[in-house]
N, C-alpha and C. Protein backbone atom coordinates (compact mmCIF):
# COMPACT_ATOMS: atom_id res chain seq x y z
N UNK A 1 59.21 -50.00 22.46
CA UNK A 1 59.47 -50.57 21.15
C UNK A 1 60.53 -49.73 20.47
N UNK A 2 61.55 -50.34 19.95
CA UNK A 2 62.63 -49.59 19.31
C UNK A 2 62.21 -49.13 17.94
N UNK A 3 62.78 -48.03 17.51
CA UNK A 3 62.45 -47.44 16.22
C UNK A 3 63.49 -47.86 15.20
N UNK A 4 63.03 -48.27 14.01
CA UNK A 4 63.94 -48.66 12.95
C UNK A 4 64.72 -47.45 12.46
N UNK A 5 65.94 -47.69 12.01
CA UNK A 5 66.76 -46.61 11.48
C UNK A 5 66.13 -46.06 10.20
N UNK A 6 65.96 -44.73 10.08
CA UNK A 6 65.37 -44.18 8.87
C UNK A 6 66.22 -44.41 7.65
N UNK A 7 67.52 -44.63 7.83
CA UNK A 7 68.38 -44.88 6.68
C UNK A 7 68.15 -46.25 6.08
N UNK A 8 67.44 -47.12 6.78
CA UNK A 8 67.21 -48.47 6.27
C UNK A 8 65.77 -48.66 5.80
N UNK A 9 64.99 -47.57 5.82
CA UNK A 9 63.58 -47.69 5.49
C UNK A 9 63.31 -47.10 4.12
N UNK A 10 62.46 -47.76 3.37
CA UNK A 10 62.00 -47.24 2.09
C UNK A 10 60.55 -47.64 1.96
N UNK A 11 59.83 -46.90 1.15
CA UNK A 11 58.45 -47.31 0.91
C UNK A 11 58.24 -47.42 -0.57
N UNK A 12 57.64 -48.48 -1.02
CA UNK A 12 57.41 -48.71 -2.44
C UNK A 12 56.06 -49.32 -2.67
N UNK A 13 55.56 -49.23 -3.89
CA UNK A 13 54.28 -49.85 -4.21
C UNK A 13 54.33 -50.66 -5.48
N UNK A 14 53.67 -51.77 -5.51
CA UNK A 14 53.37 -52.51 -6.73
C UNK A 14 52.20 -53.40 -6.41
N UNK A 15 51.53 -53.88 -7.42
CA UNK A 15 50.35 -54.72 -7.17
C UNK A 15 50.73 -55.95 -6.38
N UNK A 16 51.88 -56.54 -6.66
CA UNK A 16 52.29 -57.75 -5.95
C UNK A 16 52.60 -57.47 -4.49
N UNK A 17 53.28 -56.36 -4.24
CA UNK A 17 53.69 -56.04 -2.87
C UNK A 17 52.49 -55.76 -1.98
N UNK A 18 51.40 -55.29 -2.57
CA UNK A 18 50.23 -54.97 -1.77
C UNK A 18 49.62 -56.23 -1.15
N UNK A 19 49.96 -57.40 -1.68
CA UNK A 19 49.44 -58.65 -1.14
C UNK A 19 50.25 -59.13 0.05
N UNK A 20 51.41 -58.52 0.28
CA UNK A 20 52.26 -58.91 1.38
C UNK A 20 51.79 -58.27 2.67
N UNK A 21 52.06 -58.91 3.83
CA UNK A 21 51.64 -58.31 5.10
C UNK A 21 52.37 -57.00 5.35
N UNK A 22 51.68 -56.08 5.99
CA UNK A 22 52.28 -54.78 6.30
C UNK A 22 53.37 -54.94 7.34
N UNK A 23 54.43 -54.12 7.29
CA UNK A 23 55.49 -54.21 8.28
C UNK A 23 55.02 -53.76 9.65
N UNK A 24 55.71 -54.20 10.67
CA UNK A 24 55.37 -53.79 12.03
C UNK A 24 55.57 -52.29 12.18
N UNK A 25 54.68 -51.66 12.92
CA UNK A 25 54.74 -50.22 13.11
C UNK A 25 55.37 -49.92 14.47
N UNK A 26 56.37 -49.07 14.47
CA UNK A 26 57.03 -48.70 15.73
C UNK A 26 56.52 -47.33 16.18
N UNK A 27 56.93 -46.27 15.49
CA UNK A 27 56.49 -44.92 15.83
C UNK A 27 55.58 -44.43 14.73
N UNK A 28 54.27 -44.59 14.92
CA UNK A 28 53.31 -44.26 13.89
C UNK A 28 53.11 -42.77 13.69
N UNK A 29 52.72 -42.41 12.46
CA UNK A 29 52.54 -41.00 12.14
C UNK A 29 51.37 -40.40 12.91
N UNK A 30 50.35 -41.18 13.20
CA UNK A 30 49.22 -40.63 13.93
C UNK A 30 49.61 -40.27 15.37
N UNK A 31 50.51 -41.06 15.95
CA UNK A 31 50.99 -40.74 17.30
C UNK A 31 51.82 -39.45 17.27
N UNK A 32 52.63 -39.29 16.22
CA UNK A 32 53.41 -38.06 16.08
C UNK A 32 52.50 -36.86 15.87
N UNK A 33 51.47 -37.05 15.08
CA UNK A 33 50.52 -35.97 14.83
C UNK A 33 49.79 -35.58 16.11
N UNK A 34 49.43 -36.58 16.93
CA UNK A 34 48.74 -36.29 18.19
C UNK A 34 49.64 -35.54 19.15
N UNK A 35 50.95 -35.89 19.14
CA UNK A 35 51.89 -35.25 20.04
C UNK A 35 52.24 -33.83 19.61
N UNK A 36 52.33 -33.59 18.28
CA UNK A 36 52.69 -32.27 17.76
C UNK A 36 51.73 -31.85 16.66
N UNK A 37 50.48 -31.58 16.98
CA UNK A 37 49.47 -31.27 15.95
C UNK A 37 49.80 -30.04 15.11
N UNK A 38 50.58 -29.12 15.66
CA UNK A 38 50.90 -27.90 14.93
C UNK A 38 51.79 -28.16 13.72
N UNK A 39 52.41 -29.33 13.65
CA UNK A 39 53.30 -29.67 12.54
C UNK A 39 52.55 -30.29 11.36
N UNK A 40 51.26 -30.55 11.54
CA UNK A 40 50.49 -31.26 10.53
C UNK A 40 49.27 -30.44 10.10
N UNK A 41 48.86 -30.66 8.86
CA UNK A 41 47.65 -30.00 8.36
C UNK A 41 46.46 -30.50 9.16
N UNK A 42 45.65 -29.58 9.63
CA UNK A 42 44.54 -29.94 10.51
C UNK A 42 43.55 -30.89 9.82
N UNK A 43 43.34 -30.70 8.52
CA UNK A 43 42.36 -31.50 7.83
C UNK A 43 42.86 -32.85 7.36
N UNK A 44 43.88 -32.86 6.48
CA UNK A 44 44.30 -34.11 5.85
C UNK A 44 45.51 -34.77 6.49
N UNK A 45 46.17 -34.08 7.41
CA UNK A 45 47.26 -34.71 8.13
C UNK A 45 48.60 -34.72 7.44
N UNK A 46 48.76 -34.01 6.31
CA UNK A 46 50.08 -33.92 5.70
C UNK A 46 50.99 -33.07 6.59
N UNK A 47 52.27 -33.36 6.56
CA UNK A 47 53.23 -32.61 7.37
C UNK A 47 53.46 -31.24 6.73
N UNK A 48 53.28 -30.17 7.49
CA UNK A 48 53.37 -28.81 6.93
C UNK A 48 54.54 -28.01 7.49
N UNK A 49 55.24 -28.51 8.49
CA UNK A 49 56.34 -27.76 9.10
C UNK A 49 57.46 -28.71 9.51
N UNK A 50 58.69 -28.15 9.60
CA UNK A 50 59.86 -28.94 9.99
C UNK A 50 59.95 -30.22 9.16
N UNK A 51 60.10 -30.02 7.85
CA UNK A 51 60.14 -31.15 6.93
C UNK A 51 61.36 -32.04 7.13
N UNK A 52 62.46 -31.46 7.58
CA UNK A 52 63.67 -32.26 7.84
C UNK A 52 63.68 -32.64 9.32
N UNK A 53 63.10 -33.81 9.60
CA UNK A 53 62.98 -34.31 10.96
C UNK A 53 62.75 -35.81 10.88
N UNK A 54 62.98 -36.53 11.99
CA UNK A 54 62.74 -37.98 11.97
C UNK A 54 61.34 -38.31 11.47
N UNK A 55 61.27 -39.27 10.57
CA UNK A 55 60.00 -39.67 9.96
C UNK A 55 59.42 -40.88 10.68
N UNK A 56 58.13 -41.14 10.51
CA UNK A 56 57.50 -42.28 11.19
C UNK A 56 57.86 -43.61 10.54
N UNK A 57 57.53 -44.67 11.22
CA UNK A 57 57.78 -46.02 10.71
C UNK A 57 56.59 -46.55 9.93
N UNK A 58 55.65 -45.67 9.59
CA UNK A 58 54.50 -46.10 8.80
C UNK A 58 54.04 -44.97 7.90
N UNK A 59 53.16 -45.31 6.99
CA UNK A 59 52.56 -44.36 6.07
C UNK A 59 51.20 -44.94 5.71
N UNK A 60 50.17 -44.11 5.54
CA UNK A 60 48.85 -44.67 5.22
C UNK A 60 48.86 -45.55 3.97
N UNK A 61 48.10 -46.64 4.01
CA UNK A 61 47.96 -47.52 2.86
C UNK A 61 47.38 -46.73 1.67
N UNK A 62 47.78 -47.09 0.45
CA UNK A 62 48.44 -48.33 0.06
C UNK A 62 49.95 -48.27 0.01
N UNK A 63 50.58 -47.28 0.63
CA UNK A 63 52.04 -47.24 0.67
C UNK A 63 52.59 -48.35 1.55
N UNK A 64 53.77 -48.83 1.21
CA UNK A 64 54.44 -49.86 2.00
C UNK A 64 55.89 -49.45 2.23
N UNK A 65 56.47 -49.93 3.33
CA UNK A 65 57.87 -49.67 3.62
C UNK A 65 58.68 -50.87 3.15
N UNK A 66 59.76 -50.60 2.42
CA UNK A 66 60.65 -51.66 1.95
C UNK A 66 62.09 -51.27 2.22
N UNK A 67 62.97 -52.22 2.15
CA UNK A 67 64.39 -51.96 2.36
C UNK A 67 65.01 -51.35 1.10
N UNK A 68 66.22 -50.86 1.24
CA UNK A 68 66.94 -50.32 0.10
C UNK A 68 67.14 -51.39 -0.96
N UNK A 69 67.39 -52.62 -0.56
CA UNK A 69 67.59 -53.72 -1.52
C UNK A 69 66.31 -53.99 -2.31
N UNK A 70 65.17 -53.92 -1.64
CA UNK A 70 63.90 -54.13 -2.34
C UNK A 70 63.62 -52.98 -3.30
N UNK A 71 63.95 -51.75 -2.88
CA UNK A 71 63.77 -50.60 -3.76
C UNK A 71 64.64 -50.73 -5.00
N UNK A 72 65.87 -51.16 -4.80
CA UNK A 72 66.79 -51.32 -5.93
C UNK A 72 66.29 -52.39 -6.89
N UNK A 73 65.77 -53.47 -6.36
CA UNK A 73 65.23 -54.54 -7.21
C UNK A 73 64.04 -54.04 -8.02
N UNK A 74 63.19 -53.24 -7.41
CA UNK A 74 62.04 -52.71 -8.13
C UNK A 74 62.49 -51.77 -9.25
N UNK A 75 63.50 -50.97 -8.97
CA UNK A 75 64.02 -50.07 -10.00
C UNK A 75 64.61 -50.86 -11.16
N UNK A 76 65.31 -51.94 -10.84
CA UNK A 76 65.86 -52.78 -11.91
C UNK A 76 64.74 -53.42 -12.72
N UNK A 77 63.58 -53.61 -12.08
CA UNK A 77 62.44 -54.20 -12.75
C UNK A 77 61.56 -53.20 -13.49
N UNK A 78 61.97 -51.95 -13.52
CA UNK A 78 61.24 -50.95 -14.29
C UNK A 78 60.49 -49.91 -13.49
N UNK A 79 60.63 -49.92 -12.15
CA UNK A 79 59.97 -48.89 -11.35
C UNK A 79 60.57 -47.52 -11.67
N UNK A 80 59.75 -46.49 -11.59
CA UNK A 80 60.20 -45.12 -11.82
C UNK A 80 60.66 -44.53 -10.49
N UNK A 81 61.90 -44.06 -10.43
CA UNK A 81 62.44 -43.44 -9.22
C UNK A 81 62.19 -41.94 -9.29
N UNK A 82 61.53 -41.41 -8.27
CA UNK A 82 61.18 -39.99 -8.23
C UNK A 82 61.77 -39.34 -6.98
N UNK A 83 62.69 -38.43 -7.19
CA UNK A 83 63.35 -37.68 -6.12
C UNK A 83 62.52 -36.42 -5.86
N UNK A 84 62.12 -36.21 -4.61
CA UNK A 84 61.30 -35.04 -4.28
C UNK A 84 62.04 -34.05 -3.38
N UNK A 85 63.36 -34.11 -3.41
CA UNK A 85 64.19 -33.18 -2.64
C UNK A 85 63.80 -31.75 -2.97
N UNK A 86 63.82 -30.87 -1.97
CA UNK A 86 63.42 -29.48 -2.17
C UNK A 86 64.38 -28.75 -3.11
N UNK A 87 63.85 -27.78 -3.83
CA UNK A 87 64.68 -26.94 -4.69
C UNK A 87 65.44 -25.94 -3.82
N UNK A 88 66.66 -25.54 -4.24
CA UNK A 88 67.42 -24.55 -3.47
C UNK A 88 66.62 -23.27 -3.25
N UNK A 89 65.89 -22.85 -4.28
CA UNK A 89 64.96 -21.73 -4.19
C UNK A 89 63.61 -22.27 -4.64
N UNK A 90 62.60 -22.23 -3.80
CA UNK A 90 61.31 -22.83 -4.17
C UNK A 90 60.51 -21.97 -5.16
N UNK A 91 61.20 -21.50 -6.21
CA UNK A 91 60.55 -20.67 -7.23
C UNK A 91 61.01 -21.14 -8.59
N UNK A 92 60.11 -21.05 -9.56
CA UNK A 92 60.46 -21.39 -10.93
C UNK A 92 60.08 -20.23 -11.85
N UNK A 93 60.74 -20.18 -13.01
CA UNK A 93 60.50 -19.13 -13.99
C UNK A 93 59.11 -19.33 -14.59
N UNK A 94 58.27 -18.32 -14.53
CA UNK A 94 56.91 -18.44 -15.02
C UNK A 94 56.84 -18.54 -16.54
N UNK A 95 57.93 -18.21 -17.24
CA UNK A 95 57.93 -18.29 -18.70
C UNK A 95 58.29 -19.68 -19.21
N UNK A 96 59.34 -20.27 -18.62
CA UNK A 96 59.76 -21.58 -19.14
C UNK A 96 59.73 -22.70 -18.09
N UNK A 97 59.36 -22.39 -16.85
CA UNK A 97 59.21 -23.42 -15.83
C UNK A 97 60.48 -23.91 -15.18
N UNK A 98 61.64 -23.35 -15.54
CA UNK A 98 62.90 -23.81 -14.95
C UNK A 98 63.01 -23.32 -13.51
N UNK A 99 63.61 -24.15 -12.68
CA UNK A 99 63.77 -23.83 -11.26
C UNK A 99 64.92 -22.87 -11.06
N UNK A 100 64.69 -21.80 -10.34
CA UNK A 100 65.70 -20.77 -10.13
C UNK A 100 66.77 -21.27 -9.16
N UNK A 101 68.01 -21.07 -9.54
CA UNK A 101 69.14 -21.42 -8.69
C UNK A 101 69.40 -22.91 -8.55
N UNK A 102 68.71 -23.73 -9.32
CA UNK A 102 68.86 -25.19 -9.17
C UNK A 102 69.95 -25.74 -10.08
N UNK A 103 70.77 -26.60 -9.53
CA UNK A 103 71.81 -27.31 -10.26
C UNK A 103 71.58 -28.80 -10.03
N UNK A 104 72.12 -29.66 -10.91
CA UNK A 104 71.95 -31.10 -10.70
C UNK A 104 72.41 -31.51 -9.30
N UNK A 105 71.69 -32.44 -8.70
CA UNK A 105 72.05 -32.95 -7.39
C UNK A 105 72.35 -34.43 -7.50
N UNK A 106 73.08 -34.95 -6.52
CA UNK A 106 73.40 -36.37 -6.50
C UNK A 106 72.19 -37.16 -6.02
N UNK A 107 71.72 -38.06 -6.85
CA UNK A 107 70.49 -38.78 -6.59
C UNK A 107 70.66 -40.24 -6.98
N UNK A 108 69.59 -41.03 -6.83
CA UNK A 108 69.64 -42.42 -7.25
C UNK A 108 69.80 -42.47 -8.76
N UNK A 109 70.59 -43.39 -9.27
CA UNK A 109 70.80 -43.46 -10.72
C UNK A 109 69.48 -43.60 -11.48
N UNK A 110 69.30 -42.74 -12.45
CA UNK A 110 68.10 -42.79 -13.27
C UNK A 110 66.89 -42.09 -12.67
N UNK A 111 67.05 -41.49 -11.50
CA UNK A 111 65.92 -40.85 -10.84
C UNK A 111 65.48 -39.57 -11.56
N UNK A 112 64.21 -39.26 -11.44
CA UNK A 112 63.63 -38.03 -11.96
C UNK A 112 63.38 -37.10 -10.78
N UNK A 113 63.93 -35.88 -10.84
CA UNK A 113 63.82 -34.95 -9.72
C UNK A 113 62.63 -34.02 -9.95
N UNK A 114 61.63 -34.13 -9.08
CA UNK A 114 60.45 -33.26 -9.10
C UNK A 114 60.46 -32.44 -7.80
N UNK A 115 61.08 -31.28 -7.81
CA UNK A 115 61.17 -30.47 -6.58
C UNK A 115 59.81 -30.01 -6.08
N UNK A 116 59.71 -29.87 -4.79
CA UNK A 116 58.60 -29.18 -4.11
C UNK A 116 57.26 -29.91 -4.10
N UNK A 117 57.15 -31.09 -4.69
CA UNK A 117 55.86 -31.79 -4.70
C UNK A 117 55.58 -32.47 -3.36
N UNK A 118 56.54 -32.43 -2.44
CA UNK A 118 56.35 -33.04 -1.13
C UNK A 118 55.95 -32.05 -0.04
N UNK A 119 55.65 -30.82 -0.41
CA UNK A 119 55.19 -29.86 0.59
C UNK A 119 53.85 -30.31 1.16
N UNK A 120 53.56 -29.89 2.38
CA UNK A 120 52.32 -30.29 3.02
C UNK A 120 51.09 -29.74 2.33
N UNK A 121 51.23 -28.57 1.73
CA UNK A 121 50.14 -27.96 0.97
C UNK A 121 50.71 -27.55 -0.38
N UNK A 122 50.04 -27.98 -1.46
CA UNK A 122 50.48 -27.62 -2.81
C UNK A 122 49.52 -26.62 -3.42
N UNK A 123 50.07 -25.70 -4.21
CA UNK A 123 49.22 -24.80 -4.99
C UNK A 123 48.50 -25.65 -6.04
N UNK A 124 47.43 -25.11 -6.61
CA UNK A 124 46.71 -25.84 -7.64
C UNK A 124 47.62 -26.15 -8.82
N UNK A 125 48.49 -25.20 -9.17
CA UNK A 125 49.40 -25.40 -10.29
C UNK A 125 50.39 -26.53 -10.01
N UNK A 126 50.96 -26.55 -8.79
CA UNK A 126 51.91 -27.61 -8.45
C UNK A 126 51.23 -28.97 -8.37
N UNK A 127 50.01 -29.01 -7.86
CA UNK A 127 49.27 -30.27 -7.79
C UNK A 127 49.00 -30.81 -9.18
N UNK A 128 48.62 -29.93 -10.11
CA UNK A 128 48.38 -30.35 -11.49
C UNK A 128 49.67 -30.84 -12.13
N UNK A 129 50.78 -30.13 -11.87
CA UNK A 129 52.06 -30.53 -12.45
C UNK A 129 52.49 -31.90 -11.94
N UNK A 130 52.33 -32.15 -10.65
CA UNK A 130 52.70 -33.44 -10.07
C UNK A 130 51.88 -34.56 -10.71
N UNK A 131 50.57 -34.35 -10.82
CA UNK A 131 49.71 -35.35 -11.44
C UNK A 131 50.11 -35.59 -12.90
N UNK A 132 50.42 -34.51 -13.61
CA UNK A 132 50.84 -34.62 -15.01
C UNK A 132 52.13 -35.40 -15.13
N UNK A 133 53.11 -35.10 -14.28
CA UNK A 133 54.40 -35.79 -14.36
C UNK A 133 54.28 -37.27 -14.01
N UNK A 134 53.47 -37.61 -13.02
CA UNK A 134 53.29 -39.02 -12.69
C UNK A 134 52.65 -39.77 -13.86
N UNK A 135 51.67 -39.13 -14.50
CA UNK A 135 51.03 -39.76 -15.65
C UNK A 135 52.03 -39.91 -16.80
N UNK A 136 52.84 -38.89 -17.02
CA UNK A 136 53.83 -38.94 -18.10
C UNK A 136 54.88 -40.01 -17.85
N UNK A 137 55.40 -40.05 -16.64
CA UNK A 137 56.49 -40.97 -16.31
C UNK A 137 56.05 -42.43 -16.29
N UNK A 138 54.80 -42.67 -16.00
CA UNK A 138 54.28 -44.04 -15.94
C UNK A 138 53.52 -44.43 -17.19
N UNK A 139 53.38 -43.52 -18.14
CA UNK A 139 52.57 -43.80 -19.31
C UNK A 139 51.11 -43.97 -18.97
N UNK A 140 50.70 -43.37 -17.84
CA UNK A 140 49.32 -43.47 -17.41
C UNK A 140 48.97 -44.76 -16.71
N UNK A 141 49.95 -45.62 -16.50
CA UNK A 141 49.73 -46.92 -15.84
C UNK A 141 49.82 -46.73 -14.33
N UNK A 142 48.68 -46.70 -13.65
CA UNK A 142 48.68 -46.45 -12.21
C UNK A 142 49.09 -47.67 -11.40
N UNK A 143 49.34 -48.81 -12.06
CA UNK A 143 49.86 -49.98 -11.37
C UNK A 143 51.38 -50.06 -11.47
N UNK A 144 51.98 -49.16 -12.25
CA UNK A 144 53.43 -49.20 -12.38
C UNK A 144 54.09 -48.77 -11.07
N UNK A 145 55.10 -49.50 -10.66
CA UNK A 145 55.77 -49.20 -9.40
C UNK A 145 56.52 -47.88 -9.48
N UNK A 146 56.50 -47.15 -8.39
CA UNK A 146 57.25 -45.91 -8.23
C UNK A 146 58.15 -46.06 -7.01
N UNK A 147 59.27 -45.37 -7.02
CA UNK A 147 60.12 -45.25 -5.85
C UNK A 147 60.21 -43.76 -5.55
N UNK A 148 59.50 -43.32 -4.54
CA UNK A 148 59.48 -41.90 -4.19
C UNK A 148 60.36 -41.71 -2.96
N UNK A 149 61.31 -40.80 -3.06
CA UNK A 149 62.32 -40.69 -2.01
C UNK A 149 62.85 -39.27 -1.91
N UNK A 150 63.66 -39.05 -0.90
CA UNK A 150 64.32 -37.77 -0.68
C UNK A 150 65.68 -38.10 -0.04
N UNK A 151 65.83 -37.75 1.21
CA UNK A 151 66.98 -38.15 2.02
C UNK A 151 66.44 -38.69 3.33
N UNK A 152 67.30 -39.20 4.17
CA UNK A 152 66.85 -39.67 5.48
C UNK A 152 66.23 -38.51 6.25
N UNK A 153 65.21 -38.81 7.07
CA UNK A 153 64.54 -37.80 7.87
C UNK A 153 63.91 -36.71 7.00
N UNK A 154 63.21 -37.12 5.96
CA UNK A 154 62.60 -36.16 5.03
C UNK A 154 61.11 -36.42 4.93
N UNK A 155 60.33 -35.52 5.53
CA UNK A 155 58.87 -35.65 5.46
C UNK A 155 58.33 -35.33 4.08
N UNK A 156 59.10 -34.67 3.23
CA UNK A 156 58.62 -34.37 1.89
C UNK A 156 58.39 -35.65 1.10
N UNK A 157 59.22 -36.65 1.31
CA UNK A 157 59.01 -37.91 0.60
C UNK A 157 57.78 -38.63 1.15
N UNK A 158 57.56 -38.53 2.44
CA UNK A 158 56.35 -39.11 3.05
C UNK A 158 55.10 -38.46 2.46
N UNK A 159 55.10 -37.13 2.43
CA UNK A 159 53.97 -36.40 1.86
C UNK A 159 53.74 -36.76 0.39
N UNK A 160 54.82 -36.76 -0.39
CA UNK A 160 54.69 -37.01 -1.83
C UNK A 160 54.21 -38.42 -2.13
N UNK A 161 54.71 -39.40 -1.38
CA UNK A 161 54.29 -40.78 -1.60
C UNK A 161 52.83 -40.96 -1.22
N UNK A 162 52.46 -40.39 -0.10
CA UNK A 162 51.06 -40.50 0.34
C UNK A 162 50.13 -39.81 -0.65
N UNK A 163 50.54 -38.65 -1.14
CA UNK A 163 49.72 -37.90 -2.09
C UNK A 163 49.55 -38.68 -3.39
N UNK A 164 50.62 -39.30 -3.86
CA UNK A 164 50.54 -40.08 -5.10
C UNK A 164 49.63 -41.28 -4.93
N UNK A 165 49.67 -41.91 -3.78
CA UNK A 165 48.87 -43.10 -3.56
C UNK A 165 47.41 -42.79 -3.32
N UNK A 166 47.13 -41.82 -2.47
CA UNK A 166 45.75 -41.54 -2.07
C UNK A 166 45.03 -40.63 -3.06
N UNK A 167 45.63 -39.51 -3.37
CA UNK A 167 44.93 -38.51 -4.15
C UNK A 167 44.96 -38.74 -5.65
N UNK A 168 46.04 -39.37 -6.15
CA UNK A 168 46.19 -39.50 -7.59
C UNK A 168 45.95 -40.92 -8.07
N UNK A 169 45.73 -41.84 -7.16
CA UNK A 169 45.41 -43.20 -7.54
C UNK A 169 46.58 -44.09 -7.87
N UNK A 170 47.80 -43.61 -7.73
CA UNK A 170 48.97 -44.42 -8.02
C UNK A 170 49.35 -45.23 -6.79
N UNK A 171 49.70 -46.47 -7.02
CA UNK A 171 50.24 -47.26 -5.91
C UNK A 171 51.73 -46.96 -5.88
N UNK A 172 52.04 -45.78 -5.40
CA UNK A 172 53.42 -45.30 -5.40
C UNK A 172 54.16 -45.84 -4.20
N UNK A 173 55.43 -46.08 -4.36
CA UNK A 173 56.24 -46.58 -3.25
C UNK A 173 57.04 -45.41 -2.66
N UNK A 174 57.09 -45.40 -1.37
CA UNK A 174 57.78 -44.33 -0.66
C UNK A 174 59.14 -44.82 -0.19
N UNK A 175 60.15 -43.96 -0.30
CA UNK A 175 61.49 -44.34 0.13
C UNK A 175 62.16 -43.16 0.82
N UNK A 176 62.91 -43.44 1.89
CA UNK A 176 63.56 -42.36 2.64
C UNK A 176 64.89 -41.90 2.06
N UNK A 177 65.40 -42.53 1.10
CA UNK A 177 66.35 -41.83 0.29
C UNK A 177 67.77 -42.15 0.00
N UNK A 178 68.37 -41.10 -0.56
CA UNK A 178 69.73 -41.18 -1.05
C UNK A 178 70.71 -41.56 0.06
N UNK A 179 70.44 -41.17 1.29
CA UNK A 179 71.33 -41.54 2.40
C UNK A 179 71.36 -43.05 2.60
N UNK A 180 70.20 -43.68 2.56
CA UNK A 180 70.14 -45.13 2.70
C UNK A 180 70.81 -45.83 1.55
N UNK A 181 70.73 -45.26 0.36
CA UNK A 181 71.39 -45.81 -0.83
C UNK A 181 72.90 -45.80 -0.61
N UNK A 182 73.42 -44.69 -0.13
CA UNK A 182 74.86 -44.59 0.13
C UNK A 182 75.29 -45.53 1.24
N UNK A 183 74.43 -45.73 2.24
CA UNK A 183 74.77 -46.64 3.33
C UNK A 183 75.03 -48.06 2.84
N UNK A 184 74.44 -48.42 1.71
CA UNK A 184 74.66 -49.74 1.13
C UNK A 184 75.93 -49.79 0.29
N UNK A 185 76.61 -48.65 0.15
CA UNK A 185 77.82 -48.60 -0.64
C UNK A 185 77.58 -48.40 -2.12
N UNK A 186 76.32 -48.02 -2.48
CA UNK A 186 75.98 -47.82 -3.88
C UNK A 186 76.23 -46.37 -4.27
N UNK A 187 76.47 -46.13 -5.54
CA UNK A 187 76.80 -44.78 -6.00
C UNK A 187 75.56 -44.00 -6.42
N UNK A 188 75.70 -42.69 -6.39
CA UNK A 188 74.66 -41.79 -6.83
C UNK A 188 75.02 -41.22 -8.19
N UNK A 189 74.08 -40.55 -8.81
CA UNK A 189 74.31 -39.96 -10.13
C UNK A 189 73.61 -38.61 -10.19
N UNK A 190 74.09 -37.70 -11.04
CA UNK A 190 73.46 -36.37 -11.13
C UNK A 190 72.03 -36.45 -11.65
N UNK A 191 71.16 -35.63 -11.07
CA UNK A 191 69.78 -35.49 -11.54
C UNK A 191 69.45 -34.02 -11.59
N UNK A 192 68.93 -33.57 -12.72
CA UNK A 192 68.53 -32.17 -12.87
C UNK A 192 67.03 -32.04 -12.62
N UNK A 193 66.60 -30.93 -12.04
CA UNK A 193 65.16 -30.77 -11.76
C UNK A 193 64.34 -30.64 -13.04
N UNK A 194 63.22 -31.30 -13.08
CA UNK A 194 62.31 -31.21 -14.21
C UNK A 194 61.61 -29.85 -14.20
N UNK A 195 61.56 -29.19 -15.33
CA UNK A 195 60.90 -27.89 -15.42
C UNK A 195 59.40 -28.06 -15.21
N UNK A 196 58.80 -27.10 -14.56
CA UNK A 196 57.36 -27.11 -14.34
C UNK A 196 56.65 -26.81 -15.65
N UNK A 197 55.62 -27.57 -15.93
CA UNK A 197 54.82 -27.34 -17.14
C UNK A 197 53.96 -26.11 -16.91
N UNK A 198 54.21 -25.05 -17.67
CA UNK A 198 53.56 -23.78 -17.41
C UNK A 198 52.46 -23.46 -18.40
N UNK A 199 52.25 -24.27 -19.44
CA UNK A 199 51.21 -23.96 -20.44
C UNK A 199 49.86 -24.47 -19.99
């Protein structure tokens, strides 16, 4: 079975999309986990190593895979775009929460950059911050569509989308990213990392 190009894959969530049939699965994450168990958390199965690598053609429900065009349509309809690209330095200032060494990056227009929330294991502080930001960005509406993305071949977006859907109750949509956006000939825009809430 041939594998779909990661640049053409996105994952998104909304109440309406959940009623649609799931896409065909080519290279499933469970098969990848069985082949390379050392790359995944033994308990919950989040990817913990080699985050920049080919991603699977599926993600646990309620996440769904959609095309770049579908992701764009959802964003035009009010979905919140969340970029989970890693910070240049995975450290933030403990006084004001700003990310050290971080400068705006080219992202989807209007996207909110939440660095480091796609790691396979989050500290309690980072987990609380991610939950807080999702609640803030959606106004607490867990049915509001999200577009969670990174770049092509980025397991951090897979982790972050799955975490938002399963652990936090959001029907978040997962997307493989800015590379696929550019492949459509669409432009990117600067996004600055959101400071971590430290109080």
